[in-house]
Amino acid sequence: PCDKRDFMTTNQTWNPEAYARNAGFVAQLGEPLIDLLAPQPGERVLDLGCGDGVLTEKLATAGCIVVGVDGSPEQVAAARAKGLDARVADGHNLPFDGEFDAVFSNAALHWMREPDRVIAAVARALKPGGRFVGEMGGAGNIASVWAALVDTLARRGIDAAAFNPWYFPTAEEYHARLEAGGFVVKSITLFPRPTTLPGDISGWLETFGGTFLSPMDAATRAQIIDELRETLRPALLTPEGVWVVDYVRLRFSASR
């Protein structure tokens, strides 16, 4: 049992071990973004929303001087354990001024609900002419999961939209926001990327649905995950028994 007050004080939390187990594909599918960034040895790069540091490590291997930031102390600790310079920071309020040749962000911007503040913070962190390269969930991302969440929580008298932690923009909207923030947009594209999960969708829901599920007791949480699983089975489970989630990604490259 839970009420609205519980939800309002709850944020998404991250367990690095569960993340590595249930969401290892995030970094793997983010690798083309490194190609778009085209990092050069010696460049100072900020990895915004570095998570456990898998892609941060690749940027360091490419010869960049990389700083990773993330809102999760647990994920930052996991990145530091890889020997990386990782720090806890809020993407809406980055503590940098004109320090970086590039800001890189994979699968993190959609967790930041005030995009104009984030874009302003990124612009401030960059040197003149610096570039901002990112990929995030875009309009229509996980539409099946969202519809199931709305219905399942509504049956318990909970308005899912009131606690939505995600921001999934269209290409047109984000293009306009970047330009308003002083960026020149070089490329921006919205594309479907059906994503095969490494295991059962229950693990995905536990990893990414914390904002909705964490206020509940363990029994209620398990019951809701079971309901969601049954609702989503026809749309997302293949005949071979593989879960494929309806991801839509927004990928862009811009410069100051």
C-alpha atoms as a PDB file:
ATOM      1  CA  PRO A   1       0.000   0.000   0.000  1.00  0.00           C
ATOM      2  CA  CYS A   2       1.214   3.498  -0.771  1.00  0.00           C
ATOM      3  CA  ASP A   3      -0.058   6.991  -1.277  1.00  0.00           C
ATOM      4  CA  LYS A   4       0.971   9.935  -3.393  1.00  0.00           C
ATOM      5  CA  ARG A   5       3.291  11.370  -0.749  1.00  0.00           C
ATOM      6  CA  ASP A   6       5.399   8.221  -0.859  1.00  0.00           C
ATOM      7  CA  PHE A   7       5.909   8.603  -4.591  1.00  0.00           C
ATOM      8  CA  MET A   8       6.742  12.285  -4.441  1.00  0.00           C
ATOM      9  CA  THR A   9       9.706  11.701  -2.149  1.00  0.00           C
ATOM     10  CA  THR A  10      11.036   8.678  -4.024  1.00  0.00           C
ATOM     11  CA  ASN A  11      13.694   8.849  -6.707  1.00  0.00           C
ATOM     12  CA  GLN A  12      15.066   6.164  -8.967  1.00  0.00           C
ATOM     13  CA  THR A  13      17.890   4.296  -7.243  1.00  0.00           C
ATOM     14  CA  TRP A  14      20.497   2.125  -8.920  1.00  0.00           C
ATOM     15  CA  ASN A  15      22.068  -1.162  -7.887  1.00  0.00           C
ATOM     16  CA  PRO A  16      25.243  -1.526 -10.002  1.00  0.00           C
ATOM     17  CA  GLU A  17      25.219  -5.335  -9.860  1.00  0.00           C
ATOM     18  CA  ALA A  18      21.574  -5.546 -10.954  1.00  0.00           C
ATOM     19  CA  TYR A  19      22.242  -2.880 -13.592  1.00  0.00           C
ATOM     20  CA  ALA A  20      25.159  -4.841 -15.041  1.00  0.00           C
ATOM     21  CA  ARG A  21      23.006  -7.991 -15.074  1.00  0.00           C
ATOM     22  CA  ASN A  22      19.790  -6.506 -16.484  1.00  0.00           C
ATOM     23  CA  ALA A  23      21.039  -3.541 -18.506  1.00  0.00           C
ATOM     24  CA  GLY A  24      24.454  -4.430 -19.891  1.00  0.00           C
ATOM     25  CA  PHE A  25      23.012  -3.821 -23.364  1.00  0.00           C
ATOM     26  CA  VAL A  26      22.799  -0.064 -22.633  1.00  0.00           C
ATOM     27  CA  ALA A  27      26.544   0.473 -22.984  1.00  0.00           C
ATOM     28  CA  GLN A  28      26.874  -2.075 -25.784  1.00  0.00           C
ATOM     29  CA  LEU A  29      24.202  -0.348 -27.886  1.00  0.00           C
ATOM     30  CA  GLY A  30      25.728   3.034 -27.070  1.00  0.00           C
ATOM     31  CA  GLU A  31      29.019   2.235 -28.803  1.00  0.00           C
ATOM     32  CA  PRO A  32      27.976   3.788 -32.176  1.00  0.00           C
ATOM     33  CA  LEU A  33      27.625   7.037 -30.248  1.00  0.00           C
ATOM     34  CA  ILE A  34      31.375   6.967 -29.601  1.00  0.00           C
ATOM     35  CA  ASP A  35      31.886   6.823 -33.371  1.00  0.00           C
ATOM     36  CA  LEU A  36      29.663   9.891 -33.739  1.00  0.00           C
ATOM     37  CA  LEU A  37      31.705  11.673 -31.062  1.00  0.00           C
ATOM     38  CA  ALA A  38      34.958  10.742 -32.861  1.00  0.00           C
ATOM     39  CA  PRO A  39      37.053  11.300 -29.728  1.00  0.00           C
ATOM     40  CA  GLN A  40      40.633  12.491 -30.219  1.00  0.00           C
ATOM     41  CA  PRO A  41      43.542  11.641 -27.907  1.00  0.00           C
ATOM     42  CA  GLY A  42      44.135  14.386 -25.374  1.00  0.00           C
ATOM     43  CA  GLU A  43      40.622  15.816 -25.558  1.00  0.00           C
ATOM     44  CA  ARG A  44      38.865  16.569 -22.287  1.00  0.00           C
ATOM     45  CA  VAL A  45      35.486  14.801 -22.362  1.00  0.00           C
ATOM     46  CA  LEU A  46      32.655  14.876 -19.823  1.00  0.00           C
ATOM     47  CA  ASP A  47      30.546  11.685 -19.721  1.00  0.00           C
ATOM     48  CA  LEU A  48      27.176  12.944 -18.481  1.00  0.00           C
ATOM     49  CA  GLY A  49      25.274  10.118 -16.773  1.00  0.00           C
ATOM     50  CA  CYS A  50      28.268   7.783 -16.835  1.00  0.00           C
ATOM     51  CA  GLY A  51      26.549   4.993 -14.873  1.00  0.00           C
ATOM     52  CA  ASP A  52      29.014   2.269 -13.965  1.00  0.00           C
ATOM     53  CA  GLY A  53      31.596   3.691 -16.370  1.00  0.00           C
ATOM     54  CA  VAL A  54      31.633   1.113 -19.184  1.00  0.00           C
ATOM     55  CA  LEU A  55      31.611   3.735 -21.972  1.00  0.00           C
ATOM     56  CA  THR A  56      33.680   6.183 -19.897  1.00  0.00           C
ATOM     57  CA  GLU A  57      36.379   3.523 -19.874  1.00  0.00           C
ATOM     58  CA  LYS A  58      36.217   3.245 -23.677  1.00  0.00           C
ATOM     59  CA  LEU A  59      36.674   7.012 -24.004  1.00  0.00           C
ATOM     60  CA  ALA A  60      39.687   6.835 -21.681  1.00  0.00           C
ATOM     61  CA  THR A  61      41.113   3.974 -23.751  1.00  0.00           C
ATOM     62  CA  ALA A  62      40.745   6.195 -26.845  1.00  0.00           C
ATOM     63  CA  GLY A  63      43.170   8.601 -25.166  1.00  0.00           C
ATOM     64  CA  CYS A  64      40.694  11.152 -23.823  1.00  0.00           C
ATOM     65  CA  ILE A  65      40.985  12.788 -20.430  1.00  0.00           C
ATOM     66  CA  VAL A  66      37.547  11.827 -19.152  1.00  0.00           C
ATOM     67  CA  VAL A  67      35.462  12.914 -16.199  1.00  0.00           C
ATOM     68  CA  GLY A  68      32.310  10.887 -15.551  1.00  0.00           C
ATOM     69  CA  VAL A  69      29.377  12.313 -13.608  1.00  0.00           C
ATOM     70  CA  ASP A  70      26.230  10.569 -12.427  1.00  0.00           C
ATOM     71  CA  GLY A  71      23.463  11.263  -9.930  1.00  0.00           C
ATOM     72  CA  SER A  72      23.836   7.819  -8.359  1.00  0.00           C
ATOM     73  CA  PRO A  73      26.543   7.455  -5.691  1.00  0.00           C
ATOM     74  CA  GLU A  74      26.369   3.677  -6.151  1.00  0.00           C
ATOM     75  CA  GLN A  75      27.051   3.892  -9.889  1.00  0.00           C
ATOM     76  CA  VAL A  76      29.831   6.441  -9.349  1.00  0.00           C
ATOM     77  CA  ALA A  77      31.453   4.061  -6.859  1.00  0.00           C
ATOM     78  CA  ALA A  78      31.290   1.289  -9.494  1.00  0.00           C
ATOM     79  CA  ALA A  79      32.910   3.608 -12.071  1.00  0.00           C
ATOM     80  CA  ARG A  80      35.636   4.619  -9.611  1.00  0.00           C
ATOM     81  CA  ALA A  81      36.335   0.952  -8.972  1.00  0.00           C
ATOM     82  CA  LYS A  82      37.371   0.807 -12.661  1.00  0.00           C
ATOM     83  CA  GLY A  83      39.993   3.471 -11.921  1.00  0.00           C
ATOM     84  CA  LEU A  84      37.967   6.274 -13.532  1.00  0.00           C
ATOM     85  CA  ASP A  85      37.584   9.901 -12.474  1.00  0.00           C
ATOM     86  CA  ALA A  86      33.878   9.732 -11.615  1.00  0.00           C
ATOM     87  CA  ARG A  87      31.942  12.185  -9.464  1.00  0.00           C
ATOM     88  CA  VAL A  88      28.414  12.537  -8.130  1.00  0.00           C
ATOM     89  CA  ALA A  89      26.723  15.495  -9.842  1.00  0.00           C
ATOM     90  CA  ASP A  90      23.297  16.648 -11.026  1.00  0.00           C
ATOM     91  CA  GLY A  91      23.047  17.138 -14.785  1.00  0.00           C
ATOM     92  CA  HIS A  92      20.814  20.171 -14.239  1.00  0.00           C
ATOM     93  CA  ASN A  93      23.563  21.925 -12.301  1.00  0.00           C
ATOM     94  CA  LEU A  94      27.002  20.805 -13.472  1.00  0.00           C
ATOM     95  CA  PRO A  95      29.963  22.245 -11.536  1.00  0.00           C
ATOM     96  CA  PHE A  96      32.080  23.008 -14.633  1.00  0.00           C
ATOM     97  CA  ASP A  97      32.834  26.159 -16.590  1.00  0.00           C
ATOM     98  CA  GLY A  98      34.510  26.090 -20.021  1.00  0.00           C
ATOM     99  CA  GLU A  99      36.513  22.957 -19.238  1.00  0.00           C
ATOM    100  CA  PHE A 100      35.609  20.363 -21.879  1.00  0.00           C
ATOM    101  CA  ASP A 101      36.136  19.811 -25.597  1.00  0.00           C
ATOM    102  CA  ALA A 102      33.079  17.548 -25.659  1.00  0.00           C
ATOM    103  CA  VAL A 103      30.171  16.384 -23.527  1.00  0.00           C
ATOM    104  CA  PHE A 104      29.026  12.822 -24.220  1.00  0.00           C
ATOM    105  CA  SER A 105      25.815  11.284 -22.884  1.00  0.00           C
ATOM    106  CA  ASN A 106      24.317   7.853 -23.462  1.00  0.00           C
ATOM    107  CA  ALA A 107      20.907   6.756 -22.113  1.00  0.00           C
ATOM    108  CA  ALA A 108      20.891   9.356 -19.341  1.00  0.00           C
ATOM    109  CA  LEU A 109      19.327  12.593 -20.598  1.00  0.00           C
ATOM    110  CA  HIS A 110      15.832  11.093 -20.526  1.00  0.00           C
ATOM    111  CA  TRP A 111      16.138  10.799 -16.715  1.00  0.00           C
ATOM    112  CA  MET A 112      16.627  14.585 -16.458  1.00  0.00           C
ATOM    113  CA  ARG A 113      13.213  16.215 -16.468  1.00  0.00           C
ATOM    114  CA  GLU A 114      14.273  19.849 -17.036  1.00  0.00           C
ATOM    115  CA  PRO A 115      16.025  19.699 -20.412  1.00  0.00           C
ATOM    116  CA  ASP A 116      16.644  23.421 -20.826  1.00  0.00           C
ATOM    117  CA  ARG A 117      18.574  23.528 -17.543  1.00  0.00           C
ATOM    118  CA  VAL A 118      20.625  20.502 -18.622  1.00  0.00           C
ATOM    119  CA  ILE A 119      21.410  22.029 -22.030  1.00  0.00           C
ATOM    120  CA  ALA A 120      22.460  25.290 -20.329  1.00  0.00           C
ATOM    121  CA  ALA A 121      24.695  23.367 -17.896  1.00  0.00           C
ATOM    122  CA  VAL A 122      26.292  21.456 -20.789  1.00  0.00           C
ATOM    123  CA  ALA A 123      26.887  24.689 -22.734  1.00  0.00           C
ATOM    124  CA  ARG A 124      28.549  26.176 -19.673  1.00  0.00           C
ATOM    125  CA  ALA A 125      30.798  23.130 -19.206  1.00  0.00           C
ATOM    126  CA  LEU A 126      32.053  23.267 -22.812  1.00  0.00           C
ATOM    127  CA  LYS A 127      34.857  25.317 -24.293  1.00  0.00           C
ATOM    128  CA  PRO A 128      33.797  27.592 -27.212  1.00  0.00           C
ATOM    129  CA  GLY A 129      33.295  25.370 -30.260  1.00  0.00           C
ATOM    130  CA  GLY A 130      32.911  22.301 -28.038  1.00  0.00           C
ATOM    131  CA  ARG A 131      30.525  19.557 -29.049  1.00  0.00           C
ATOM    132  CA  PHE A 132      27.590  17.843 -27.373  1.00  0.00           C
ATOM    133  CA  VAL A 133      26.890  14.309 -28.570  1.00  0.00           C
ATOM    134  CA  GLY A 134      24.156  12.220 -27.027  1.00  0.00           C
ATOM    135  CA  GLU A 135      21.570   9.493 -27.273  1.00  0.00           C
ATOM    136  CA  MET A 136      18.436   9.216 -25.177  1.00  0.00           C
ATOM    137  CA  GLY A 137      14.958   7.780 -25.222  1.00  0.00           C
ATOM    138  CA  GLY A 138      12.820   9.663 -27.752  1.00  0.00           C
ATOM    139  CA  ALA A 139       9.113  10.109 -28.432  1.00  0.00           C
ATOM    140  CA  GLY A 140       7.374   6.709 -28.418  1.00  0.00           C
ATOM    141  CA  ASN A 141      10.096   5.013 -26.390  1.00  0.00           C
ATOM    142  CA  ILE A 142       8.845   1.965 -24.439  1.00  0.00           C
ATOM    143  CA  ALA A 143       5.264   2.851 -25.409  1.00  0.00           C
ATOM    144  CA  SER A 144       4.006  -0.675 -24.611  1.00  0.00           C
ATOM    145  CA  VAL A 145       5.602  -0.653 -21.158  1.00  0.00           C
ATOM    146  CA  TRP A 146       4.261   2.816 -20.392  1.00  0.00           C
ATOM    147  CA  ALA A 147       0.695   1.875 -21.399  1.00  0.00           C
ATOM    148  CA  ALA A 148       0.876  -1.241 -19.200  1.00  0.00           C
ATOM    149  CA  LEU A 149       2.229   0.780 -16.265  1.00  0.00           C
ATOM    150  CA  VAL A 150      -0.543   3.366 -16.596  1.00  0.00           C
ATOM    151  CA  ASP A 151      -3.252   0.676 -16.622  1.00  0.00           C
ATOM    152  CA  THR A 152      -1.767  -1.476 -13.859  1.00  0.00           C
ATOM    153  CA  LEU A 153      -1.239   1.444 -11.470  1.00  0.00           C
ATOM    154  CA  ALA A 154      -4.621   3.004 -12.327  1.00  0.00           C
ATOM    155  CA  ARG A 155      -6.291  -0.170 -11.043  1.00  0.00           C
ATOM    156  CA  ARG A 156      -4.719   0.715  -7.674  1.00  0.00           C
ATOM    157  CA  GLY A 157      -5.822   4.319  -7.836  1.00  0.00           C
ATOM    158  CA  ILE A 158      -2.351   5.622  -8.743  1.00  0.00           C
ATOM    159  CA  ASP A 159      -1.789   8.129 -11.567  1.00  0.00           C
ATOM    160  CA  ALA A 160       1.434   6.947 -13.219  1.00  0.00           C
ATOM    161  CA  ALA A 161       1.839  10.208 -15.134  1.00  0.00           C
ATOM    162  CA  ALA A 162       2.203  12.134 -11.879  1.00  0.00           C
ATOM    163  CA  PHE A 163       5.363  10.168 -11.097  1.00  0.00           C
ATOM    164  CA  ASN A 164       6.805   9.742 -14.583  1.00  0.00           C
ATOM    165  CA  PRO A 165      10.619  10.047 -14.258  1.00  0.00           C
ATOM    166  CA  TRP A 166      11.223  10.131 -18.015  1.00  0.00           C
ATOM    167  CA  TYR A 167      11.473  12.781 -20.715  1.00  0.00           C
ATOM    168  CA  PHE A 168      11.161  11.390 -24.261  1.00  0.00           C
ATOM    169  CA  PRO A 169      11.175  14.290 -26.778  1.00  0.00           C
ATOM    170  CA  THR A 170      10.606  14.394 -30.515  1.00  0.00           C
ATOM    171  CA  ALA A 171      13.562  15.313 -32.726  1.00  0.00           C
ATOM    172  CA  GLU A 172      11.878  18.626 -33.584  1.00  0.00           C
ATOM    173  CA  GLU A 173      11.389  19.559 -29.941  1.00  0.00           C
ATOM    174  CA  TYR A 174      14.929  18.707 -28.851  1.00  0.00           C
ATOM    175  CA  HIS A 175      16.418  20.405 -31.948  1.00  0.00           C
ATOM    176  CA  ALA A 176      14.593  23.601 -30.952  1.00  0.00           C
ATOM    177  CA  ARG A 177      15.769  23.318 -27.333  1.00  0.00           C
ATOM    178  CA  LEU A 178      19.397  22.830 -28.398  1.00  0.00           C
ATOM    179  CA  GLU A 179      19.245  25.855 -30.703  1.00  0.00           C
ATOM    180  CA  ALA A 180      17.618  27.966 -27.996  1.00  0.00           C
ATOM    181  CA  GLY A 181      20.489  26.912 -25.713  1.00  0.00           C
ATOM    182  CA  GLY A 182      23.078  28.271 -28.139  1.00  0.00           C
ATOM    183  CA  PHE A 183      23.983  25.076 -30.011  1.00  0.00           C
ATOM    184  CA  VAL A 184      24.306  24.486 -33.742  1.00  0.00           C
ATOM    185  CA  VAL A 185      22.718  21.103 -34.463  1.00  0.00           C
ATOM    186  CA  LYS A 186      24.775  19.020 -36.886  1.00  0.00           C
ATOM    187  CA  SER A 187      22.550  15.947 -36.855  1.00  0.00           C
ATOM    188  CA  ILE A 188      19.525  14.699 -34.952  1.00  0.00           C
ATOM    189  CA  THR A 189      17.512  11.581 -35.651  1.00  0.00           C
ATOM    190  CA  LEU A 190      14.695   9.637 -34.006  1.00  0.00           C
ATOM    191  CA  PHE A 191      14.702   5.920 -34.786  1.00  0.00           C
ATOM    192  CA  PRO A 192      13.094   2.704 -33.505  1.00  0.00           C
ATOM    193  CA  ARG A 193      15.545   0.280 -31.939  1.00  0.00           C
ATOM    194  CA  PRO A 194      13.742  -2.821 -30.676  1.00  0.00           C
ATOM    195  CA  THR A 195      16.023  -4.013 -27.890  1.00  0.00           C
ATOM    196  CA  THR A 196      16.522  -7.630 -26.866  1.00  0.00           C
ATOM    197  CA  LEU A 197      16.766  -8.040 -23.105  1.00  0.00           C
ATOM    198  CA  PRO A 198      19.420 -10.331 -21.605  1.00  0.00           C
ATOM    199  CA  GLY A 199      16.785 -12.032 -19.465  1.00  0.00           C
ATOM    200  CA  ASP A 200      13.214 -11.709 -18.264  1.00  0.00           C
ATOM    201  CA  ILE A 201      11.345  -8.413 -18.409  1.00  0.00           C
ATOM    202  CA  SER A 202      10.877  -8.669 -14.631  1.00  0.00           C
ATOM    203  CA  GLY A 203      14.545  -7.773 -14.189  1.00  0.00           C
ATOM    204  CA  TRP A 204      14.171  -4.819 -16.554  1.00  0.00           C
ATOM    205  CA  LEU A 205      11.133  -3.561 -14.612  1.00  0.00           C
ATOM    206  CA  GLU A 206      12.964  -3.890 -11.294  1.00  0.00           C
ATOM    207  CA  THR A 207      15.980  -2.002 -12.693  1.00  0.00           C
ATOM    208  CA  PHE A 208      14.213   0.834 -14.504  1.00  0.00           C
ATOM    209  CA  GLY A 209      10.848   1.081 -12.769  1.00  0.00           C
ATOM    210  CA  GLY A 210      12.069   2.026  -9.319  1.00  0.00           C
ATOM    211  CA  THR A 211      10.254   5.363  -9.280  1.00  0.00           C
ATOM    212  CA  PHE A 212       6.933   3.531  -9.529  1.00  0.00           C
ATOM    213  CA  LEU A 213       7.751   0.390  -7.563  1.00  0.00           C
ATOM    214  CA  SER A 214      10.106   1.319  -4.720  1.00  0.00           C
ATOM    215  CA  PRO A 215       7.440   2.947  -2.479  1.00  0.00           C
ATOM    216  CA  MET A 216       5.546  -0.345  -2.313  1.00  0.00           C
ATOM    217  CA  ASP A 217       6.116  -3.267  -0.012  1.00  0.00           C
ATOM    218  CA  ALA A 218       7.853  -6.296  -1.510  1.00  0.00           C
ATOM    219  CA  ALA A 219       4.642  -8.323  -1.950  1.00  0.00           C
ATOM    220  CA  THR A 220       2.824  -5.511  -3.809  1.00  0.00           C
ATOM    221  CA  ARG A 221       5.893  -4.867  -5.946  1.00  0.00           C
ATOM    222  CA  ALA A 222       6.120  -8.531  -6.943  1.00  0.00           C
ATOM    223  CA  GLN A 223       2.394  -8.624  -7.704  1.00  0.00           C
ATOM    224  CA  ILE A 224       2.612  -5.541  -9.960  1.00  0.00           C
ATOM    225  CA  ILE A 225       5.645  -6.917 -11.807  1.00  0.00           C
ATOM    226  CA  ASP A 226       3.749 -10.178 -12.411  1.00  0.00           C
ATOM    227  CA  GLU A 227       0.743  -8.246 -13.739  1.00  0.00           C
ATOM    228  CA  LEU A 228       2.940  -6.144 -16.009  1.00  0.00           C
ATOM    229  CA  ARG A 229       4.704  -9.237 -17.288  1.00  0.00           C
ATOM    230  CA  GLU A 230       1.406 -10.903 -18.223  1.00  0.00           C
ATOM    231  CA  THR A 231       0.102  -7.710 -19.885  1.00  0.00           C
ATOM    232  CA  LEU A 232       3.294  -7.271 -21.921  1.00  0.00           C
ATOM    233  CA  ARG A 233       3.811 -10.903 -22.860  1.00  0.00           C
ATOM    234  CA  PRO A 234       1.713 -10.843 -26.100  1.00  0.00           C
ATOM    235  CA  ALA A 235       3.416  -7.706 -27.432  1.00  0.00           C
ATOM    236  CA  LEU A 236       7.026  -8.120 -26.300  1.00  0.00           C
ATOM    237  CA  LEU A 237       7.766 -11.838 -25.860  1.00  0.00           C
ATOM    238  CA  THR A 238       8.840 -13.595 -29.069  1.00  0.00           C
ATOM    239  CA  PRO A 239       7.735 -17.172 -29.876  1.00  0.00           C
ATOM    240  CA  GLU A 240      11.307 -18.194 -29.003  1.00  0.00           C
ATOM    241  CA  GLY A 241      10.850 -16.866 -25.473  1.00  0.00           C
ATOM    242  CA  VAL A 242      12.970 -13.714 -25.870  1.00  0.00           C
ATOM    243  CA  TRP A 243      11.821 -10.345 -24.536  1.00  0.00           C
ATOM    244  CA  VAL A 244      12.221  -7.451 -26.997  1.00  0.00           C
ATOM    245  CA  VAL A 245      11.293  -3.985 -25.724  1.00  0.00           C
ATOM    246  CA  ASP A 246      10.019  -1.261 -28.077  1.00  0.00           C
ATOM    247  CA  TYR A 247      12.841   1.252 -27.648  1.00  0.00           C
ATOM    248  CA  VAL A 248      12.915   4.456 -29.701  1.00  0.00           C
ATOM    249  CA  ARG A 249      16.135   6.476 -29.539  1.00  0.00           C
ATOM    250  CA  LEU A 250      16.981  10.104 -30.210  1.00  0.00           C
ATOM    251  CA  ARG A 251      20.618  10.561 -31.281  1.00  0.00           C
ATOM    252  CA  PHE A 252      22.192  13.952 -31.924  1.00  0.00           C
ATOM    253  CA  SER A 253      25.405  15.860 -32.456  1.00  0.00           C
ATOM    254  CA  ALA A 254      25.652  19.614 -31.822  1.00  0.00           C
ATOM    255  CA  SER A 255      28.340  22.204 -31.225  1.00  0.00           C
ATOM    256  CA  ARG A 256      28.564  25.414 -29.277  1.00  0.00           C
END
